[in-house]
N, C-alpha and C. Protein backbone atom coordinates (compact mmCIF):
# COMPACT_ATOMS: atom_id res chain seq x y z
N MET A 1 90.95 90.89 130.90
CA MET A 1 90.17 91.27 129.67
C MET A 1 90.35 90.11 128.75
N THR A 2 90.11 89.61 127.88
CA THR A 2 90.02 88.93 125.99
C THR A 2 90.53 89.36 124.98
N PRO A 3 91.80 89.00 124.40
CA PRO A 3 92.33 89.41 123.60
C PRO A 3 91.65 90.23 122.14
N ALA A 4 90.38 89.86 122.12
CA ALA A 4 89.13 90.49 121.02
C ALA A 4 88.62 91.99 121.94
N ALA A 5 88.72 91.73 123.38
CA ALA A 5 87.93 92.50 124.01
C ALA A 5 89.04 93.93 123.91
N ASP A 6 90.30 93.57 123.63
CA ASP A 6 91.35 94.56 123.30
C ASP A 6 91.44 95.31 122.28
N LEU A 7 90.81 94.34 121.37
CA LEU A 7 90.49 94.55 119.89
C LEU A 7 89.64 95.43 119.33
N LEU A 8 88.73 95.19 120.18
CA LEU A 8 87.43 95.75 119.45
C LEU A 8 86.77 97.18 120.63
N PRO A 9 86.30 97.82 120.23
CA PRO A 9 86.19 97.82 118.78
C PRO A 9 87.59 98.15 117.39
N LEU A 10 87.45 97.92 116.81
CA LEU A 10 88.39 98.22 115.58
C LEU A 10 88.46 100.17 115.02
N PRO A 11 89.11 100.39 115.02
CA PRO A 11 89.93 101.62 114.60
C PRO A 11 90.20 101.51 113.69
N PRO A 12 90.11 102.63 112.27
CA PRO A 12 90.15 102.37 110.92
C PRO A 12 92.13 102.27 110.98
N GLY A 13 92.48 102.28 110.02
CA GLY A 13 93.45 101.77 109.99
C GLY A 13 94.40 100.59 110.09
N LEU A 14 95.44 100.59 110.66
CA LEU A 14 96.12 99.68 111.06
C LEU A 14 96.59 99.11 112.35
N VAL A 15 96.12 98.02 112.41
CA VAL A 15 95.68 97.44 114.28
C VAL A 15 96.72 96.25 113.61
N ALA A 16 97.76 96.23 115.02
CA ALA A 16 98.66 95.28 115.31
C ALA A 16 98.53 94.27 115.89
N VAL A 17 98.18 92.37 115.53
CA VAL A 17 98.16 91.52 116.74
C VAL A 17 99.54 91.25 116.76
N THR A 18 100.43 91.82 117.63
CA THR A 18 101.30 90.22 118.18
C THR A 18 101.67 89.05 118.71
N GLY A 19 102.31 88.13 118.53
CA GLY A 19 102.64 87.08 119.58
C GLY A 19 103.53 85.90 119.37
N ASP A 20 104.50 85.56 119.74
CA ASP A 20 104.88 84.30 120.13
C ASP A 20 103.87 82.61 118.97
N GLU A 21 104.76 82.28 118.31
CA GLU A 21 104.27 80.62 117.72
C GLU A 21 103.11 80.39 119.01
N GLY A 22 101.87 80.11 118.82
CA GLY A 22 100.58 79.98 119.31
C GLY A 22 100.41 80.36 119.96
N ALA A 23 100.71 81.85 120.01
CA ALA A 23 99.68 83.21 120.92
C ALA A 23 98.60 83.51 121.15
N GLY A 24 97.76 82.67 119.66
CA GLY A 24 96.91 83.22 119.60
C GLY A 24 96.47 83.79 118.06
N LYS A 25 97.67 83.96 117.25
CA LYS A 25 97.08 85.19 116.85
C LYS A 25 96.09 85.47 115.36
N THR A 26 95.84 83.41 114.67
CA THR A 26 95.41 83.80 113.61
C THR A 26 94.40 83.08 114.37
N THR A 27 94.02 82.52 115.50
CA THR A 27 92.63 82.62 115.93
C THR A 27 91.91 83.56 116.42
N LEU A 28 92.36 84.86 117.01
CA LEU A 28 91.93 86.17 117.39
C LEU A 28 91.15 86.45 115.59
N LEU A 29 92.36 86.36 114.60
CA LEU A 29 91.86 87.12 113.53
C LEU A 29 90.35 86.00 112.68
N ARG A 30 90.48 85.11 112.94
CA ARG A 30 89.04 84.11 112.65
C ARG A 30 88.40 84.10 113.75
N SER A 31 87.97 84.93 115.16
CA SER A 31 86.49 84.68 115.33
C SER A 31 86.42 86.63 115.32
N LEU A 32 87.12 87.78 114.07
CA LEU A 32 86.54 89.31 113.86
C LEU A 32 85.31 88.61 113.34
N GLY A 33 84.54 87.93 112.64
CA GLY A 33 83.07 87.37 112.30
C GLY A 33 83.45 87.58 110.93
N PRO A 34 82.48 87.99 110.47
CA PRO A 34 82.00 87.78 108.80
C PRO A 34 81.91 88.91 107.79
N ASP A 35 82.25 89.89 109.05
CA ASP A 35 82.79 91.41 108.44
C ASP A 35 83.97 91.33 107.94
N ALA A 36 84.39 90.59 108.74
CA ALA A 36 86.59 90.82 108.41
C ALA A 36 86.85 89.28 107.44
N LEU A 37 87.74 90.07 106.46
CA LEU A 37 87.98 89.14 105.46
C LEU A 37 89.15 88.90 105.74
N TRP A 38 89.44 87.22 105.77
CA TRP A 38 90.83 86.51 106.64
C TRP A 38 91.12 85.45 105.84
N LEU A 39 92.46 84.89 105.23
CA LEU A 39 92.55 84.28 103.68
C LEU A 39 93.78 83.52 104.61
N ASP A 40 94.07 82.26 104.76
CA ASP A 40 95.40 81.24 105.23
C ASP A 40 95.97 82.23 103.23
N LEU A 41 97.13 82.44 104.30
CA LEU A 41 97.91 83.40 102.62
C LEU A 41 98.67 82.00 102.04
N SER A 42 98.76 80.24 102.26
CA SER A 42 99.29 79.22 101.89
C SER A 42 97.72 78.99 100.73
N LEU A 43 97.23 79.49 100.68
CA LEU A 43 96.22 79.16 100.07
C LEU A 43 96.46 77.72 100.01
N PRO A 44 95.50 76.43 101.38
CA PRO A 44 95.61 75.26 101.09
C PRO A 44 94.65 75.13 100.49
N GLY A 45 94.37 73.77 99.17
CA GLY A 45 93.36 73.06 98.75
C GLY A 45 92.61 73.71 98.00
N GLN A 46 94.23 74.58 97.24
CA GLN A 46 93.40 75.37 95.93
C GLN A 46 95.20 75.10 95.06
N ASP A 47 95.09 74.15 95.17
CA ASP A 47 96.62 73.36 94.21
C ASP A 47 96.45 73.64 92.65
N GLN A 48 94.84 73.02 92.31
CA GLN A 48 94.72 72.86 90.68
C GLN A 48 94.51 74.64 90.41
N GLN A 49 94.30 75.39 91.12
CA GLN A 49 93.45 76.89 90.78
C GLN A 49 94.35 77.64 90.16
N ASP A 50 94.80 78.74 89.42
CA ASP A 50 95.10 79.64 88.88
C ASP A 50 95.12 81.02 89.47
N ALA A 51 96.36 81.81 89.52
CA ALA A 51 96.24 82.58 90.15
C ALA A 51 94.68 83.46 90.39
N GLN A 52 94.79 83.30 88.38
CA GLN A 52 93.23 84.49 88.04
C GLN A 52 92.23 83.72 89.12
N GLY A 53 92.03 82.25 89.24
CA GLY A 53 90.61 81.73 89.88
C GLY A 53 90.83 82.39 91.42
N VAL A 54 91.93 81.96 92.00
CA VAL A 54 92.22 82.46 93.31
C VAL A 54 91.05 84.19 93.21
N TRP A 55 91.26 84.79 92.47
CA TRP A 55 91.28 86.45 92.52
C TRP A 55 89.79 86.15 92.17
N ASP A 56 89.17 85.57 90.84
CA ASP A 56 87.78 85.19 90.57
C ASP A 56 86.55 84.72 91.84
N GLY A 57 87.57 84.23 92.60
CA GLY A 57 86.27 83.20 93.84
C GLY A 57 86.68 85.07 94.74
N LEU A 58 87.51 85.41 95.12
CA LEU A 58 87.72 86.35 95.74
C LEU A 58 86.35 87.28 96.18
N ARG A 59 86.45 87.92 94.33
CA ARG A 59 85.77 88.82 93.91
C ARG A 59 84.22 88.75 93.70
N GLN A 60 83.95 87.35 94.07
CA GLN A 60 82.53 86.85 93.76
C GLN A 60 82.06 87.25 95.38
N ARG A 61 82.40 87.63 96.04
CA ARG A 61 82.97 88.01 97.66
C ARG A 61 83.16 88.69 97.67
N CYS A 62 83.41 89.69 97.40
CA CYS A 62 83.93 90.80 97.98
C CYS A 62 83.41 92.17 96.79
N PRO A 63 82.14 92.56 96.98
CA PRO A 63 82.14 93.51 96.44
C PRO A 63 81.96 94.96 96.31
N GLY A 64 83.56 95.38 96.79
CA GLY A 64 83.84 96.83 96.80
C GLY A 64 85.65 96.06 96.25
N TRP A 65 85.80 94.98 95.38
CA TRP A 65 87.25 94.43 94.19
C TRP A 65 87.32 95.87 93.70
N ASN A 66 88.74 95.82 93.44
CA ASN A 66 89.28 96.95 92.64
C ASN A 66 89.65 96.48 91.61
N PRO A 67 89.42 96.41 90.41
CA PRO A 67 90.64 95.75 89.66
C PRO A 67 91.55 96.49 88.81
N GLN A 68 91.77 97.72 89.30
CA GLN A 68 92.78 98.61 89.80
C GLN A 68 93.96 97.69 90.45
N LEU A 69 93.70 98.08 91.07
CA LEU A 69 94.88 97.68 92.57
C LEU A 69 95.38 96.49 92.16
N GLN A 70 94.49 95.47 91.66
CA GLN A 70 94.84 94.09 91.39
C GLN A 70 95.68 94.50 90.74
N GLN A 71 95.64 94.93 89.30
CA GLN A 71 96.58 94.48 88.62
C GLN A 71 97.94 95.81 88.94
N ASP A 72 97.73 96.57 89.37
CA ASP A 72 98.68 97.98 89.54
C ASP A 72 99.74 96.52 91.18
N LEU A 73 99.37 95.51 91.52
CA LEU A 73 99.77 94.54 92.05
C LEU A 73 100.46 93.41 92.49
N VAL A 74 100.10 93.25 90.90
CA VAL A 74 100.70 91.78 90.08
C VAL A 74 101.47 92.48 89.59
N GLN A 75 101.85 93.59 89.23
CA GLN A 75 102.98 94.60 88.29
C GLN A 75 103.84 94.40 89.64
N ALA A 76 103.36 95.11 90.78
CA ALA A 76 104.19 96.16 92.03
C ALA A 76 104.88 94.45 92.89
N LEU A 77 104.63 93.08 92.87
CA LEU A 77 104.93 92.23 93.33
C LEU A 77 105.94 91.07 92.25
N ASP A 78 105.53 91.38 91.26
CA ASP A 78 106.12 91.24 90.01
C ASP A 78 106.03 89.57 89.97
N LEU A 79 104.28 89.39 89.48
CA LEU A 79 103.68 88.08 89.26
C LEU A 79 103.42 87.75 87.71
N PRO A 80 103.30 88.88 86.59
CA PRO A 80 103.18 88.18 85.65
C PRO A 80 103.94 86.48 85.17
N PRO A 81 104.97 86.78 85.32
CA PRO A 81 105.61 85.57 84.83
C PRO A 81 105.08 84.62 85.76
N GLN A 82 104.56 84.31 86.65
CA GLN A 82 103.41 83.06 87.13
C GLN A 82 101.87 82.97 87.05
N LEU A 83 101.28 83.97 86.19
CA LEU A 83 100.38 84.28 85.98
C LEU A 83 100.18 83.04 85.07
N GLY A 84 98.89 82.31 84.81
CA GLY A 84 98.60 80.84 84.59
C GLY A 84 99.22 79.51 84.43
N LYS A 85 100.19 80.29 85.86
CA LYS A 85 100.20 78.51 85.80
C LYS A 85 99.48 78.08 87.06
N THR A 86 99.22 76.68 87.94
CA THR A 86 98.87 76.64 88.74
C THR A 86 99.39 76.68 89.95
N LEU A 87 98.68 77.00 91.15
CA LEU A 87 99.81 76.95 92.35
C LEU A 87 99.86 76.10 92.47
N PHE A 88 100.43 75.00 92.72
CA PHE A 88 101.37 74.14 93.32
C PHE A 88 102.61 74.04 92.46
N MET A 89 102.65 74.50 91.25
CA MET A 89 103.59 75.46 90.53
C MET A 89 105.05 76.18 91.09
N LEU A 90 103.62 76.44 92.41
CA LEU A 90 104.69 78.32 92.54
C LEU A 90 105.49 78.24 94.13
N SER A 91 105.96 78.74 93.67
CA SER A 91 107.26 78.66 95.35
C SER A 91 105.87 79.29 96.28
N THR A 92 106.15 78.57 97.58
CA THR A 92 105.99 79.14 99.00
C THR A 92 105.09 80.93 98.97
N GLY A 93 106.46 81.49 98.22
CA GLY A 93 106.33 83.35 98.87
C GLY A 93 105.13 83.88 97.48
N SER A 94 105.23 82.83 96.38
CA SER A 94 104.71 84.00 94.93
C SER A 94 103.70 82.99 95.12
N ARG A 95 102.63 81.91 96.31
CA ARG A 95 101.05 82.01 96.43
C ARG A 95 101.28 82.51 97.24
N ARG A 96 102.03 83.07 98.39
CA ARG A 96 101.29 84.47 98.97
C ARG A 96 100.82 85.52 98.64
N LYS A 97 101.97 85.74 97.12
CA LYS A 97 101.99 86.99 96.72
C LYS A 97 100.24 87.23 96.29
N VAL A 98 100.64 85.94 95.46
CA VAL A 98 98.70 86.18 94.49
C VAL A 98 97.68 86.34 95.68
N ALA A 99 97.70 84.71 97.57
CA ALA A 99 96.70 85.31 98.18
C ALA A 99 96.49 86.35 98.83
N LEU A 100 97.59 87.67 99.24
CA LEU A 100 97.85 88.86 99.64
C LEU A 100 97.09 89.69 98.58
N VAL A 101 97.73 89.90 96.93
CA VAL A 101 96.75 90.34 95.72
C VAL A 101 95.51 90.76 96.04
N GLY A 102 94.93 88.97 96.33
CA GLY A 102 93.54 89.47 96.50
C GLY A 102 93.02 89.53 98.24
N LEU A 103 93.67 89.08 98.61
CA LEU A 103 93.41 90.36 100.05
C LEU A 103 93.31 91.93 100.05
N LEU A 104 94.46 92.27 99.43
CA LEU A 104 94.63 93.79 99.32
C LEU A 104 93.31 93.87 98.29
N ALA A 105 93.55 93.62 97.20
CA ALA A 105 92.41 94.14 96.24
C ALA A 105 91.00 94.42 96.46
N ALA A 106 90.79 93.34 97.43
CA ALA A 106 88.96 92.66 98.03
C ALA A 106 88.37 93.77 98.21
N GLY A 107 88.68 94.91 98.93
CA GLY A 107 87.82 96.47 99.24
C GLY A 107 87.01 95.70 100.24
N ALA A 108 87.53 95.24 101.37
CA ALA A 108 86.90 94.82 102.84
C ALA A 108 86.65 95.82 103.45
N ALA A 109 85.54 95.95 104.74
CA ALA A 109 85.52 96.89 105.33
C ALA A 109 86.65 96.84 106.45
N VAL A 110 87.10 95.56 107.03
CA VAL A 110 88.13 95.07 107.78
C VAL A 110 88.78 93.51 106.81
N THR A 111 90.26 93.71 106.59
CA THR A 111 91.65 92.55 105.97
C THR A 111 92.42 92.92 106.55
N CYS A 112 92.13 90.90 107.25
CA CYS A 112 93.20 90.53 108.16
C CYS A 112 94.18 89.37 107.22
N LEU A 113 95.21 89.99 107.55
CA LEU A 113 96.88 90.09 106.41
C LEU A 113 97.27 89.08 108.11
N ASP A 114 97.44 87.77 107.83
CA ASP A 114 97.83 87.10 109.12
C ASP A 114 99.26 86.28 109.10
N GLN A 115 100.59 87.30 109.17
CA GLN A 115 101.64 86.76 109.52
C GLN A 115 102.06 86.98 107.34
N PRO A 116 101.85 88.82 106.77
CA PRO A 116 102.01 88.22 105.35
C PRO A 116 103.35 89.01 105.04
N PHE A 117 103.84 89.15 105.77
CA PHE A 117 105.48 89.21 104.98
C PHE A 117 106.38 87.74 105.10
N ALA A 118 105.85 87.14 105.37
CA ALA A 118 106.59 85.14 105.96
C ALA A 118 106.88 85.28 104.10
N ALA A 119 108.30 84.55 103.89
CA ALA A 119 108.89 83.92 102.48
C ALA A 119 108.34 84.95 101.47
N LEU A 120 108.24 86.45 101.65
CA LEU A 120 108.78 86.95 100.75
C LEU A 120 109.83 88.03 100.83
N ASP A 121 109.68 88.30 99.23
CA ASP A 121 110.85 88.76 99.21
C ASP A 121 111.04 90.12 98.92
N ALA A 122 112.54 90.73 99.70
CA ALA A 122 112.38 91.62 99.43
C ALA A 122 111.61 92.98 99.28
N ALA A 123 111.99 92.97 97.63
CA ALA A 123 111.80 94.07 96.84
C ALA A 123 109.45 93.91 96.73
N SER A 124 108.96 92.59 97.45
CA SER A 124 108.03 92.55 98.10
C SER A 124 107.43 93.16 98.66
N ALA A 125 108.24 92.99 100.12
CA ALA A 125 107.74 92.94 101.32
C ALA A 125 108.05 95.06 101.38
N ARG A 126 109.07 94.82 100.72
CA ARG A 126 108.74 96.65 100.92
C ARG A 126 107.54 97.00 99.81
N VAL A 127 107.01 96.33 98.87
CA VAL A 127 105.70 96.92 98.34
C VAL A 127 104.56 96.41 99.51
N LEU A 128 104.33 95.67 100.25
CA LEU A 128 103.38 95.07 101.23
C LEU A 128 103.16 96.59 102.35
N ARG A 129 104.95 96.41 102.44
CA ARG A 129 105.00 97.71 103.58
C ARG A 129 104.66 99.05 103.47
N GLU A 130 104.76 99.57 102.23
CA GLU A 130 104.09 100.72 101.59
C GLU A 130 103.15 100.31 101.18
N PHE A 131 102.44 100.06 100.70
CA PHE A 131 101.11 99.58 100.88
C PHE A 131 100.15 100.03 102.10
N LEU A 132 100.60 99.03 103.82
CA LEU A 132 100.31 99.88 104.40
C LEU A 132 100.65 100.80 104.68
N ALA A 133 101.51 100.98 104.55
CA ALA A 133 101.79 102.90 105.26
C ALA A 133 101.22 103.98 104.24
N ASP A 134 100.32 103.03 103.23
CA ASP A 134 99.61 104.36 102.60
C ASP A 134 98.48 104.46 103.45
N MET A 135 97.91 103.12 103.68
CA MET A 135 96.43 102.92 104.45
C MET A 135 96.18 102.98 106.08
N ALA A 136 97.67 103.96 106.88
CA ALA A 136 97.52 103.68 107.80
C ALA A 136 96.31 104.80 107.97
N ASP A 137 96.10 106.02 107.40
CA ASP A 137 95.24 106.87 108.36
C ASP A 137 94.25 106.70 106.89
N HIS A 138 93.49 105.64 107.07
CA HIS A 138 92.45 105.25 105.91
C HIS A 138 90.77 106.03 107.05
N ALA A 139 90.37 106.02 106.53
CA ALA A 139 88.70 106.91 107.63
C ALA A 139 88.34 105.31 107.99
N THR A 140 88.00 104.97 106.67
CA THR A 140 86.76 103.50 106.69
C THR A 140 86.89 102.42 106.79
N ARG A 141 88.57 101.63 105.97
CA ARG A 141 88.92 100.35 106.42
C ARG A 141 90.12 100.52 107.21
N THR A 142 89.65 99.16 107.80
CA THR A 142 90.68 98.58 108.76
C THR A 142 91.56 97.74 108.04
N TRP A 143 92.65 97.34 108.53
CA TRP A 143 93.75 96.33 108.41
C TRP A 143 94.53 95.30 109.57
N VAL A 144 94.29 94.28 109.84
CA VAL A 144 94.54 94.00 111.12
C VAL A 144 95.65 92.64 111.07
N VAL A 145 97.14 93.14 111.58
CA VAL A 145 98.24 92.64 110.59
C VAL A 145 98.65 91.82 111.86
N ALA A 146 98.82 90.19 111.52
CA ALA A 146 99.16 89.08 112.99
C ALA A 146 100.33 88.71 112.37
N ASP A 147 101.42 89.07 113.89
CA ASP A 147 102.42 88.87 113.50
C ASP A 147 103.48 88.93 113.92
N TYR A 148 104.57 88.39 113.97
CA TYR A 148 106.21 87.84 115.78
C TYR A 148 106.00 89.95 116.28
N GLN A 149 106.42 90.52 115.39
CA GLN A 149 106.34 91.84 116.33
C GLN A 149 105.40 92.62 115.11
N ALA A 150 105.23 93.64 115.70
CA ALA A 150 104.60 94.86 115.11
C ALA A 150 105.71 95.77 114.31
N ASP A 151 106.00 95.90 112.71
CA ASP A 151 106.88 96.61 112.37
C ASP A 151 106.68 97.89 112.17
N PRO A 152 108.28 98.50 112.98
CA PRO A 152 108.34 99.80 113.54
C PRO A 152 108.10 101.23 112.82
N ARG A 153 108.32 100.54 111.05
CA ARG A 153 108.02 102.13 110.33
C ARG A 153 106.60 102.33 110.54
N LEU A 154 106.15 101.42 109.89
CA LEU A 154 104.12 101.77 110.27
C LEU A 154 103.44 102.14 111.35
N ALA A 155 102.61 102.84 110.65
CA ALA A 155 101.98 103.86 111.57
C ALA A 155 100.43 103.62 112.20
N TRP A 156 100.95 102.26 113.60
CA TRP A 156 99.93 102.31 113.63
C TRP A 156 98.82 102.23 115.13
N ARG A 157 97.29 101.93 114.65
CA ARG A 157 96.14 103.02 115.28
C ARG A 157 96.11 101.97 116.99
N ARG A 158 96.54 100.73 116.90
CA ARG A 158 96.31 100.26 117.86
C ARG A 158 97.30 98.17 117.63
N HIS A 159 97.52 98.28 118.98
CA HIS A 159 99.26 96.77 118.43
C HIS A 159 98.26 96.51 119.94
N VAL A 160 97.38 95.28 120.41
CA VAL A 160 97.94 93.98 120.77
C VAL A 160 98.66 93.20 120.86
N ALA A 161 99.17 92.69 121.97
CA ALA A 161 100.34 92.04 122.38
C ALA A 161 99.68 90.57 122.91
N LEU A 162 99.50 89.44 122.02
CA LEU A 162 99.28 88.43 122.77
C LEU A 162 100.37 88.29 123.94
N ASP A 163 99.95 86.82 125.21
CA ASP A 163 101.16 86.23 125.60
C ASP A 163 100.86 84.70 125.24
């Protein structure tokens, strides 16, 4: 059975995809199709954009965009000092936080988070973990989280381990 077959159909709530480097986590996320929102959290090719430009681009593609959640996440992730700066001026962690705000506020039916905790400070990792914990029992939306390990503090609906 292929990893995608193990994953589909996607249940609502949290789905973990785990594996070592090169196991195919990112490839699997990208293969979920046009209904799944995936974004490279390093935001390659967007060095001249600022955070608002990134979010505006996503908002145009995502009719379920939640502006209040966007603002709440900006505050919770301590991004106000970074607003207005172009991405090339931001640290890796801040760039990833900009991308995470966009993904979490997008309102997509399926949101793919590819190693979302990498390069985050402890406070930001806690904010993300709390957000995911709140979404674990969501009735209609799915968050597919690819990482080396599934966080044991989260209530996963499905876990697919790639070899």
